[in-house]
PDB file of all heavy atoms in Angstrom:
ATOM      1  N   GLY A   1      24.184-142.024 167.840  1.00  0.00           N
ATOM      2  CA  GLY A   1      23.693-141.505 166.565  1.00  0.00           C
ATOM      3  C   GLY A   1      22.741-142.482 165.887  1.00  0.00           C
ATOM      4  O   GLY A   1      21.715-142.078 165.308  1.00  0.00           O
ATOM      5  N   TYR A   2      23.056-143.756 165.951  1.00  0.00           N
ATOM      6  CA  TYR A   2      22.168-144.773 165.370  1.00  0.00           C
ATOM      7  C   TYR A   2      20.810-144.788 166.078  1.00  0.00           C
ATOM      8  O   TYR A   2      19.760-144.906 165.429  1.00  0.00           O
ATOM      9  CB  TYR A   2      22.807-146.153 165.484  1.00  0.00           C
ATOM     10  CG  TYR A   2      23.977-146.376 164.552  1.00  0.00           C
ATOM     11  CD1 TYR A   2      25.050-147.192 164.931  1.00  0.00           C
ATOM     12  CD2 TYR A   2      24.016-145.794 163.287  1.00  0.00           C
ATOM     13  CE1 TYR A   2      26.127-147.406 164.076  1.00  0.00           C
ATOM     14  CE2 TYR A   2      25.090-145.998 162.437  1.00  0.00           C
ATOM     15  CZ  TYR A   2      26.140-146.805 162.836  1.00  0.00           C
ATOM     16  OH  TYR A   2      27.198-147.015 161.988  1.00  0.00           O
ATOM     17  N   ILE A   3      20.849-144.679 167.391  1.00  0.00           N
ATOM     18  CA  ILE A   3      19.593-144.664 168.154  1.00  0.00           C
ATOM     19  C   ILE A   3      18.748-143.454 167.766  1.00  0.00           C
ATOM     20  O   ILE A   3      17.516-143.562 167.617  1.00  0.00           O
ATOM     21  CB  ILE A   3      19.898-144.657 169.672  1.00  0.00           C
ATOM     22  CG1 ILE A   3      20.550-145.990 170.082  1.00  0.00           C
ATOM     23  CG2 ILE A   3      18.624-144.427 170.477  1.00  0.00           C
ATOM     24  CD1 ILE A   3      21.055-146.022 171.501  1.00  0.00           C
ATOM     25  N   PHE A   4      19.405-142.319 167.573  1.00  0.00           N
ATOM     26  CA  PHE A   4      18.678-141.114 167.134  1.00  0.00           C
ATOM     27  C   PHE A   4      18.018-141.343 165.776  1.00  0.00           C
ATOM     28  O   PHE A   4      16.854-140.965 165.559  1.00  0.00           O
ATOM     29  CB  PHE A   4      19.630-139.920 167.066  1.00  0.00           C
ATOM     30  CG  PHE A   4      19.025-138.705 166.417  1.00  0.00           C
ATOM     31  CD1 PHE A   4      18.148-137.898 167.114  1.00  0.00           C
ATOM     32  CD2 PHE A   4      19.319-138.395 165.088  1.00  0.00           C
ATOM     33  CE1 PHE A   4      17.570-136.780 166.509  1.00  0.00           C
ATOM     34  CE2 PHE A   4      18.753-137.293 164.478  1.00  0.00           C
ATOM     35  CZ  PHE A   4      17.870-136.487 165.197  1.00  0.00           C
ATOM     36  N   LEU A   5      18.758-141.959 164.842  1.00  0.00           N
ATOM     37  CA  LEU A   5      18.200-142.221 163.511  1.00  0.00           C
ATOM     38  C   LEU A   5      17.001-143.163 163.585  1.00  0.00           C
ATOM     39  O   LEU A   5      16.011-142.975 162.878  1.00  0.00           O
ATOM     40  CB  LEU A   5      19.273-142.826 162.606  1.00  0.00           C
ATOM     41  CG  LEU A   5      20.377-141.875 162.119  1.00  0.00           C
ATOM     42  CD1 LEU A   5      21.425-142.639 161.316  1.00  0.00           C
ATOM     43  CD2 LEU A   5      19.788-140.748 161.278  1.00  0.00           C
ATOM     44  N   LEU A   6      17.100-144.170 164.438  1.00  0.00           N
ATOM     45  CA  LEU A   6      15.990-145.112 164.575  1.00  0.00           C
ATOM     46  C   LEU A   6      14.747-144.438 165.138  1.00  0.00           C
ATOM     47  O   LEU A   6      13.616-144.771 164.758  1.00  0.00           O
ATOM     48  CB  LEU A   6      16.404-146.277 165.472  1.00  0.00           C
ATOM     49  CG  LEU A   6      17.462-147.237 164.891  1.00  0.00           C
ATOM     50  CD1 LEU A   6      17.858-148.283 165.917  1.00  0.00           C
ATOM     51  CD2 LEU A   6      16.935-147.908 163.630  1.00  0.00           C
ATOM     52  N   MET A   7      14.948-143.486 166.035  1.00  0.00           N
ATOM     53  CA  MET A   7      13.819-142.758 166.615  1.00  0.00           C
ATOM     54  C   MET A   7      13.249-141.733 165.626  1.00  0.00           C
ATOM     55  O   MET A   7      12.044-141.510 165.575  1.00  0.00           O
ATOM     56  CB  MET A   7      14.251-142.056 167.901  1.00  0.00           C
ATOM     57  CG  MET A   7      14.668-143.015 169.014  1.00  0.00           C
ATOM     58  SD  MET A   7      15.320-142.169 170.477  1.00  0.00           S
ATOM     59  CE  MET A   7      13.895-141.217 170.981  1.00  0.00           C
ATOM     60  N   ARG A   8      14.139-141.148 164.844  1.00  0.00           N
ATOM     61  CA  ARG A   8      13.722-140.099 163.895  1.00  0.00           C
ATOM     62  C   ARG A   8      13.081-140.690 162.646  1.00  0.00           C
ATOM     63  O   ARG A   8      12.150-140.109 162.082  1.00  0.00           O
ATOM     64  CB  ARG A   8      14.959-139.266 163.511  1.00  0.00           C
ATOM     65  CG  ARG A   8      14.693-138.142 162.528  1.00  0.00           C
ATOM     66  CD  ARG A   8      13.856-137.041 163.138  1.00  0.00           C
ATOM     67  NE  ARG A   8      13.661-135.944 162.218  1.00  0.00           N
ATOM     68  CZ  ARG A   8      12.790-135.930 161.196  1.00  0.00           C
ATOM     69  NH1 ARG A   8      11.997-136.972 161.009  1.00  0.00           N
ATOM     70  NH2 ARG A   8      12.689-134.891 160.415  1.00  0.00           N
ATOM     71  N   PHE A   9      13.557-141.832 162.200  1.00  0.00           N
ATOM     72  CA  PHE A   9      13.032-142.469 160.979  1.00  0.00           C
ATOM     73  C   PHE A   9      12.673-143.926 161.289  1.00  0.00           C
ATOM     74  O   PHE A   9      13.442-144.847 160.982  1.00  0.00           O
ATOM     75  CB  PHE A   9      14.079-142.416 159.860  1.00  0.00           C
ATOM     76  CG  PHE A   9      14.598-141.043 159.570  1.00  0.00           C
ATOM     77  CD1 PHE A   9      15.822-140.632 160.085  1.00  0.00           C
ATOM     78  CD2 PHE A   9      13.858-140.149 158.805  1.00  0.00           C
ATOM     79  CE1 PHE A   9      16.311-139.370 159.827  1.00  0.00           C
ATOM     80  CE2 PHE A   9      14.334-138.876 158.545  1.00  0.00           C
ATOM     81  CZ  PHE A   9      15.562-138.475 159.057  1.00  0.00           C
ATOM     82  N   PRO A  10      11.523-144.159 161.884  1.00  0.00           N
ATOM     83  CA  PRO A  10      11.143-145.503 162.340  1.00  0.00           C
ATOM     84  C   PRO A  10      10.590-146.408 161.236  1.00  0.00           C
ATOM     85  O   PRO A  10       9.553-147.045 161.398  1.00  0.00           O
ATOM     86  CB  PRO A  10      10.089-145.207 163.403  1.00  0.00           C
ATOM     87  CG  PRO A  10       9.429-143.952 162.918  1.00  0.00           C
ATOM     88  CD  PRO A  10      10.512-143.148 162.269  1.00  0.00           C
ATOM     89  N   PHE A  11      11.275-146.441 160.066  1.00  0.00           N
ATOM     90  CA  PHE A  11      10.887-147.370 159.007  1.00  0.00           C
ATOM     91  C   PHE A  11      11.398-148.765 159.370  1.00  0.00           C
ATOM     92  O   PHE A  11      12.516-148.907 159.878  1.00  0.00           O
ATOM     93  CB  PHE A  11      11.464-146.930 157.664  1.00  0.00           C
ATOM     94  CG  PHE A  11      11.069-145.536 157.249  1.00  0.00           C
ATOM     95  CD1 PHE A  11      12.018-144.553 157.073  1.00  0.00           C
ATOM     96  CD2 PHE A  11       9.733-145.225 157.047  1.00  0.00           C
ATOM     97  CE1 PHE A  11      11.652-143.268 156.689  1.00  0.00           C
ATOM     98  CE2 PHE A  11       9.352-143.938 156.659  1.00  0.00           C
ATOM     99  CZ  PHE A  11      10.313-142.958 156.486  1.00  0.00           C
ATOM    100  N   TRP A  12      10.632-149.780 159.063  1.00  0.00           N
ATOM    101  CA  TRP A  12      11.031-151.119 159.475  1.00  0.00           C
ATOM    102  C   TRP A  12      12.331-151.563 158.812  1.00  0.00           C
ATOM    103  O   TRP A  12      13.135-152.299 159.412  1.00  0.00           O
ATOM    104  CB  TRP A  12       9.904-152.125 159.192  1.00  0.00           C
ATOM    105  CG  TRP A  12       9.678-152.437 157.730  1.00  0.00           C
ATOM    106  CD1 TRP A  12       8.772-151.862 156.903  1.00  0.00           C
ATOM    107  CD2 TRP A  12      10.370-153.429 156.968  1.00  0.00           C
ATOM    108  NE1 TRP A  12       8.851-152.406 155.648  1.00  0.00           N
ATOM    109  CE2 TRP A  12       9.811-153.381 155.651  1.00  0.00           C
ATOM    110  CE3 TRP A  12      11.388-154.328 157.237  1.00  0.00           C
ATOM    111  CZ2 TRP A  12      10.259-154.211 154.628  1.00  0.00           C
ATOM    112  CZ3 TRP A  12      11.829-155.159 156.218  1.00  0.00           C
ATOM    113  CH2 TRP A  12      11.273-155.106 154.929  1.00  0.00           C
ATOM    114  N   GLN A  13      12.553-151.080 157.568  1.00  0.00           N
ATOM    115  CA  GLN A  13      13.798-151.445 156.890  1.00  0.00           C
ATOM    116  C   GLN A  13      15.021-150.891 157.640  1.00  0.00           C
ATOM    117  O   GLN A  13      16.046-151.561 157.774  1.00  0.00           O
ATOM    118  CB  GLN A  13      13.805-150.920 155.448  1.00  0.00           C
ATOM    119  CG  GLN A  13      12.737-151.528 154.556  1.00  0.00           C
ATOM    120  CD  GLN A  13      11.459-150.708 154.553  1.00  0.00           C
ATOM    121  OE1 GLN A  13      11.174-149.947 155.495  1.00  0.00           O
ATOM    122  NE2 GLN A  13      10.670-150.848 153.494  1.00  0.00           N
ATOM    123  N   LEU A  14      14.885-149.674 158.127  1.00  0.00           N
ATOM    124  CA  LEU A  14      15.986-149.061 158.879  1.00  0.00           C
ATOM    125  C   LEU A  14      16.117-149.711 160.255  1.00  0.00           C
ATOM    126  O   LEU A  14      17.239-149.841 160.778  1.00  0.00           O
ATOM    127  CB  LEU A  14      15.755-147.563 159.032  1.00  0.00           C
ATOM    128  CG  LEU A  14      15.851-146.728 157.749  1.00  0.00           C
ATOM    129  CD1 LEU A  14      15.684-145.249 158.070  1.00  0.00           C
ATOM    130  CD2 LEU A  14      17.166-146.971 157.036  1.00  0.00           C
ATOM    131  N   LEU A  15      14.985-150.078 160.840  1.00  0.00           N
ATOM    132  CA  LEU A  15      15.039-150.753 162.140  1.00  0.00           C
ATOM    133  C   LEU A  15      15.846-152.043 162.040  1.00  0.00           C
ATOM    134  O   LEU A  15      16.612-152.383 162.949  1.00  0.00           O
ATOM    135  CB  LEU A  15      13.622-151.052 162.635  1.00  0.00           C
ATOM    136  CG  LEU A  15      12.775-149.845 163.045  1.00  0.00           C
ATOM    137  CD1 LEU A  15      11.348-150.283 163.386  1.00  0.00           C
ATOM    138  CD2 LEU A  15      13.403-149.135 164.246  1.00  0.00           C
ATOM    139  N   VAL A  16      15.696-152.737 160.913  1.00  0.00           N
ATOM    140  CA  VAL A  16      16.443-153.973 160.707  1.00  0.00           C
ATOM    141  C   VAL A  16      17.912-153.683 160.440  1.00  0.00           C
ATOM    142  O   VAL A  16      18.811-154.198 161.129  1.00  0.00           O
ATOM    143  CB  VAL A  16      15.845-154.791 159.541  1.00  0.00           C
ATOM    144  CG1 VAL A  16      16.746-155.992 159.214  1.00  0.00           C
ATOM    145  CG2 VAL A  16      14.442-155.274 159.889  1.00  0.00           C
ATOM    146  N   CYS A  17      18.168-152.842 159.426  1.00  0.00           N
ATOM    147  CA  CYS A  17      19.553-152.578 159.010  1.00  0.00           C
ATOM    148  C   CYS A  17      20.363-151.859 160.087  1.00  0.00           C
ATOM    149  O   CYS A  17      21.439-152.323 160.503  1.00  0.00           O
ATOM    150  CB  CYS A  17      19.563-151.758 157.716  1.00  0.00           C
ATOM    151  SG  CYS A  17      18.937-152.644 156.275  1.00  0.00           S
ATOM    152  N   ILE A  18      19.860-150.727 160.530  1.00  0.00           N
ATOM    153  CA  ILE A  18      20.602-149.950 161.528  1.00  0.00           C
ATOM    154  C   ILE A  18      20.630-150.686 162.867  1.00  0.00           C
ATOM    155  O   ILE A  18      21.598-150.590 163.619  1.00  0.00           O
ATOM    156  CB  ILE A  18      19.990-148.539 161.674  1.00  0.00           C
ATOM    157  CG1 ILE A  18      20.142-147.779 160.359  1.00  0.00           C
ATOM    158  CG2 ILE A  18      20.677-147.773 162.809  1.00  0.00           C
ATOM    159  CD1 ILE A  18      19.596-146.372 160.386  1.00  0.00           C
ATOM    160  N   GLY A  19      19.562-151.438 163.156  1.00  0.00           N
ATOM    161  CA  GLY A  19      19.557-152.224 164.389  1.00  0.00           C
ATOM    162  C   GLY A  19      20.691-153.242 164.405  1.00  0.00           C
ATOM    163  O   GLY A  19      21.368-153.421 165.422  1.00  0.00           O
ATOM    164  N   ILE A  20      20.911-153.905 163.257  1.00  0.00           N
ATOM    165  CA  ILE A  20      22.007-154.879 163.165  1.00  0.00           C
ATOM    166  C   ILE A  20      23.357-154.184 163.327  1.00  0.00           C
ATOM    167  O   ILE A  20      24.244-154.661 164.041  1.00  0.00           O
ATOM    168  CB  ILE A  20      21.940-155.628 161.821  1.00  0.00           C
ATOM    169  CG1 ILE A  20      20.707-156.544 161.786  1.00  0.00           C
ATOM    170  CG2 ILE A  20      23.208-156.450 161.589  1.00  0.00           C
ATOM    171  CD1 ILE A  20      20.467-157.208 160.450  1.00  0.00           C
ATOM    172  N   VAL A  21      23.512-153.042 162.661  1.00  0.00           N
ATOM    173  CA  VAL A  21      24.770-152.295 162.761  1.00  0.00           C
ATOM    174  C   VAL A  21      24.985-151.794 164.190  1.00  0.00           C
ATOM    175  O   VAL A  21      26.113-151.787 164.696  1.00  0.00           O
ATOM    176  CB  VAL A  21      24.775-151.112 161.768  1.00  0.00           C
ATOM    177  CG1 VAL A  21      26.056-150.284 161.926  1.00  0.00           C
ATOM    178  CG2 VAL A  21      24.655-151.619 160.337  1.00  0.00           C
ATOM    179  N   LEU A  22      23.909-151.386 164.839  1.00  0.00           N
ATOM    180  CA  LEU A  22      23.995-150.930 166.230  1.00  0.00           C
ATOM    181  C   LEU A  22      24.464-152.060 167.149  1.00  0.00           C
ATOM    182  O   LEU A  22      25.320-151.844 168.021  1.00  0.00           O
ATOM    183  CB  LEU A  22      22.640-150.408 166.694  1.00  0.00           C
ATOM    184  CG  LEU A  22      22.526-149.978 168.165  1.00  0.00           C
ATOM    185  CD1 LEU A  22      23.506-148.859 168.482  1.00  0.00           C
ATOM    186  CD2 LEU A  22      21.086-149.544 168.479  1.00  0.00           C
ATOM    187  N   ILE A  23      23.923-153.240 166.938  1.00  0.00           N
ATOM    188  CA  ILE A  23      24.341-154.394 167.746  1.00  0.00           C
ATOM    189  C   ILE A  23      25.821-154.690 167.517  1.00  0.00           C
ATOM    190  O   ILE A  23      26.577-154.960 168.466  1.00  0.00           O
ATOM    191  CB  ILE A  23      23.479-155.624 167.403  1.00  0.00           C
ATOM    192  CG1 ILE A  23      22.041-155.410 167.882  1.00  0.00           C
ATOM    193  CG2 ILE A  23      24.064-156.888 168.036  1.00  0.00           C
ATOM    194  CD1 ILE A  23      21.081-156.486 167.429  1.00  0.00           C
ATOM    195  N   PHE A  24      26.257-154.626 166.258  1.00  0.00           N
ATOM    196  CA  PHE A  24      27.669-154.854 165.944  1.00  0.00           C
ATOM    197  C   PHE A  24      28.553-153.807 166.618  1.00  0.00           C
ATOM    198  O   PHE A  24      29.610-154.133 167.170  1.00  0.00           O
ATOM    199  CB  PHE A  24      27.881-154.806 164.428  1.00  0.00           C
ATOM    200  CG  PHE A  24      29.336-154.690 164.032  1.00  0.00           C
ATOM    201  CD1 PHE A  24      30.195-155.765 164.148  1.00  0.00           C
ATOM    202  CD2 PHE A  24      29.837-153.478 163.558  1.00  0.00           C
ATOM    203  CE1 PHE A  24      31.535-155.650 163.788  1.00  0.00           C
ATOM    204  CE2 PHE A  24      31.169-153.357 163.196  1.00  0.00           C
ATOM    205  CZ  PHE A  24      32.021-154.447 163.316  1.00  0.00           C
ATOM    206  N   THR A  25      28.121-152.551 166.562  1.00  0.00           N
ATOM    207  CA  THR A  25      28.918-151.477 167.175  1.00  0.00           C
ATOM    208  C   THR A  25      29.032-151.675 168.681  1.00  0.00           C
ATOM    209  O   THR A  25      30.116-151.503 169.258  1.00  0.00           O
ATOM    210  CB  THR A  25      28.281-150.109 166.873  1.00  0.00           C
ATOM    211  OG1 THR A  25      28.125-149.958 165.458  1.00  0.00           O
ATOM    212  CG2 THR A  25      29.154-148.980 167.404  1.00  0.00           C
ATOM    213  N   ALA A  26      27.923-152.042 169.326  1.00  0.00           N
ATOM    214  CA  ALA A  26      27.948-152.294 170.771  1.00  0.00           C
ATOM    215  C   ALA A  26      28.854-153.474 171.090  1.00  0.00           C
ATOM    216  O   ALA A  26      29.609-153.443 172.083  1.00  0.00           O
ATOM    217  CB  ALA A  26      26.529-152.564 171.272  1.00  0.00           C
ATOM    218  N   TRP A  27      28.812-154.498 170.253  1.00  0.00           N
ATOM    219  CA  TRP A  27      29.688-155.660 170.443  1.00  0.00           C
ATOM    220  C   TRP A  27      31.153-155.264 170.297  1.00  0.00           C
ATOM    221  O   TRP A  27      32.006-155.687 171.088  1.00  0.00           O
ATOM    222  CB  TRP A  27      29.324-156.734 169.416  1.00  0.00           C
ATOM    223  CG  TRP A  27      30.302-157.873 169.351  1.00  0.00           C
ATOM    224  CD1 TRP A  27      30.356-158.966 170.160  1.00  0.00           C
ATOM    225  CD2 TRP A  27      31.379-158.023 168.410  1.00  0.00           C
ATOM    226  NE1 TRP A  27      31.394-159.784 169.786  1.00  0.00           N
ATOM    227  CE2 TRP A  27      32.033-159.233 168.715  1.00  0.00           C
ATOM    228  CE3 TRP A  27      31.837-157.244 167.345  1.00  0.00           C
ATOM    229  CZ2 TRP A  27      33.135-159.684 167.993  1.00  0.00           C
ATOM    230  CZ3 TRP A  27      32.938-157.691 166.621  1.00  0.00           C
ATOM    231  CH2 TRP A  27      33.568-158.889 166.944  1.00  0.00           C
ATOM    232  N   ALA A  28      31.447-154.441 169.288  1.00  0.00           N
ATOM    233  CA  ALA A  28      32.826-154.003 169.054  1.00  0.00           C
ATOM    234  C   ALA A  28      33.351-153.184 170.230  1.00  0.00           C
ATOM    235  O   ALA A  28      34.509-153.326 170.629  1.00  0.00           O
ATOM    236  CB  ALA A  28      32.901-153.194 167.759  1.00  0.00           C
ATOM    237  N   VAL A  29      32.501-152.325 170.774  1.00  0.00           N
ATOM    238  CA  VAL A  29      32.897-151.517 171.940  1.00  0.00           C
ATOM    239  C   VAL A  29      33.182-152.431 173.132  1.00  0.00           C
ATOM    240  O   VAL A  29      34.185-152.256 173.844  1.00  0.00           O
ATOM    241  CB  VAL A  29      31.808-150.493 172.298  1.00  0.00           C
ATOM    242  CG1 VAL A  29      32.090-149.843 173.654  1.00  0.00           C
ATOM    243  CG2 VAL A  29      31.712-149.421 171.219  1.00  0.00           C
ATOM    244  N   ALA A  30      32.311-153.409 173.346  1.00  0.00           N
ATOM    245  CA  ALA A  30      32.499-154.339 174.469  1.00  0.00           C
ATOM    246  C   ALA A  30      33.801-155.124 174.315  1.00  0.00           C
ATOM    247  O   ALA A  30      34.553-155.297 175.286  1.00  0.00           O
ATOM    248  CB  ALA A  30      31.313-155.292 174.556  1.00  0.00           C
ATOM    249  N   LYS A  31      34.094-155.588 173.100  1.00  0.00           N
ATOM    250  CA  LYS A  31      35.332-156.339 172.857  1.00  0.00           C
ATOM    251  C   LYS A  31      36.563-155.467 173.065  1.00  0.00           C
ATOM    252  O   LYS A  31      37.575-155.924 173.603  1.00  0.00           O
ATOM    253  CB  LYS A  31      35.323-156.903 171.440  1.00  0.00           C
ATOM    254  CG  LYS A  31      34.275-157.975 171.174  1.00  0.00           C
ATOM    255  CD  LYS A  31      34.576-159.257 171.930  1.00  0.00           C
ATOM    256  CE  LYS A  31      35.747-160.007 171.347  1.00  0.00           C
ATOM    257  NZ  LYS A  31      35.964-161.313 172.004  1.00  0.00           N
ATOM    258  N   ALA A  32      36.476-154.204 172.639  1.00  0.00           N
ATOM    259  CA  ALA A  32      37.602-153.284 172.818  1.00  0.00           C
ATOM    260  C   ALA A  32      37.864-153.025 174.298  1.00  0.00           C
ATOM    261  O   ALA A  32      39.027-153.003 174.739  1.00  0.00           O
ATOM    262  CB  ALA A  32      37.317-151.972 172.094  1.00  0.00           C
ATOM    263  N   LEU A  33      36.815-152.853 175.074  1.00  0.00           N
ATOM    264  CA  LEU A  33      36.975-152.606 176.507  1.00  0.00           C
ATOM    265  C   LEU A  33      37.507-153.850 177.231  1.00  0.00           C
ATOM    266  O   LEU A  33      38.307-153.739 178.169  1.00  0.00           O
ATOM    267  CB  LEU A  33      35.649-152.165 177.121  1.00  0.00           C
ATOM    268  CG  LEU A  33      35.155-150.780 176.683  1.00  0.00           C
ATOM    269  CD1 LEU A  33      33.778-150.495 177.266  1.00  0.00           C
ATOM    270  CD2 LEU A  33      36.147-149.691 177.106  1.00  0.00           C
ATOM    271  N   LEU A  34      37.072-155.025 176.789  1.00  0.00           N
ATOM    272  CA  LEU A  34      37.594-156.270 177.376  1.00  0.00           C
ATOM    273  C   LEU A  34      39.078-156.429 177.074  1.00  0.00           C
ATOM    274  O   LEU A  34      39.849-156.866 177.934  1.00  0.00           O
ATOM    275  CB  LEU A  34      36.811-157.475 176.848  1.00  0.00           C
ATOM    276  CG  LEU A  34      35.390-157.657 177.397  1.00  0.00           C
ATOM    277  CD1 LEU A  34      34.684-158.795 176.674  1.00  0.00           C
ATOM    278  CD2 LEU A  34      35.434-157.935 178.905  1.00  0.00           C
ATOM    279  N   LEU A  35      39.469-156.074 175.848  1.00  0.00           N
ATOM    280  CA  LEU A  35      40.887-156.150 175.492  1.00  0.00           C
ATOM    281  C   LEU A  35      41.694-155.140 176.292  1.00  0.00           C
ATOM    282  O   LEU A  35      42.799-155.444 176.758  1.00  0.00           O
ATOM    283  CB  LEU A  35      41.063-155.899 173.995  1.00  0.00           C
ATOM    284  CG  LEU A  35      42.491-156.017 173.454  1.00  0.00           C
ATOM    285  CD1 LEU A  35      43.052-157.405 173.702  1.00  0.00           C
ATOM    286  CD2 LEU A  35      42.526-155.687 171.964  1.00  0.00           C
ATOM    287  N   TYR A  36      41.145-153.944 176.473  1.00  0.00           N
ATOM    288  CA  TYR A  36      41.813-152.927 177.292  1.00  0.00           C
ATOM    289  C   TYR A  36      42.018-153.434 178.715  1.00  0.00           C
ATOM    290  O   TYR A  36      43.097-153.280 179.298  1.00  0.00           O
ATOM    291  CB  TYR A  36      40.967-151.657 177.301  1.00  0.00           C
ATOM    292  CG  TYR A  36      41.472-150.593 178.251  1.00  0.00           C
ATOM    293  CD1 TYR A  36      42.489-149.729 177.877  1.00  0.00           C
ATOM    294  CD2 TYR A  36      40.932-150.462 179.532  1.00  0.00           C
ATOM    295  CE1 TYR A  36      42.960-148.757 178.741  1.00  0.00           C
ATOM    296  CE2 TYR A  36      41.396-149.490 180.401  1.00  0.00           C
ATOM    297  CZ  TYR A  36      42.403-148.647 180.001  1.00  0.00           C
ATOM    298  OH  TYR A  36      42.874-147.697 180.872  1.00  0.00           O
ATOM    299  N   LYS A  37      40.984-154.052 179.265  1.00  0.00           N
ATOM    300  CA  LYS A  37      41.069-154.594 180.623  1.00  0.00           C
ATOM    301  C   LYS A  37      42.107-155.711 180.704  1.00  0.00           C
ATOM    302  O   LYS A  37      42.840-155.828 181.684  1.00  0.00           O
ATOM    303  CB  LYS A  37      39.700-155.105 181.062  1.00  0.00           C
ATOM    304  CG  LYS A  37      39.654-155.596 182.502  1.00  0.00           C
ATOM    305  CD  LYS A  37      38.243-156.041 182.871  1.00  0.00           C
ATOM    306  CE  LYS A  37      38.197-156.553 184.310  1.00  0.00           C
ATOM    307  NZ  LYS A  37      36.821-157.008 184.682  1.00  0.00           N
TER     308      LYS A  37
END
């Protein structure tokens, strides 16, 4: 969903904010999968 928003509304402010949140979300998913493993 974040990637869709970045493509739909390519404002630099959103690229920064949502990009940071996207990185955090990907990190959280990776940590959850590592804990599961």
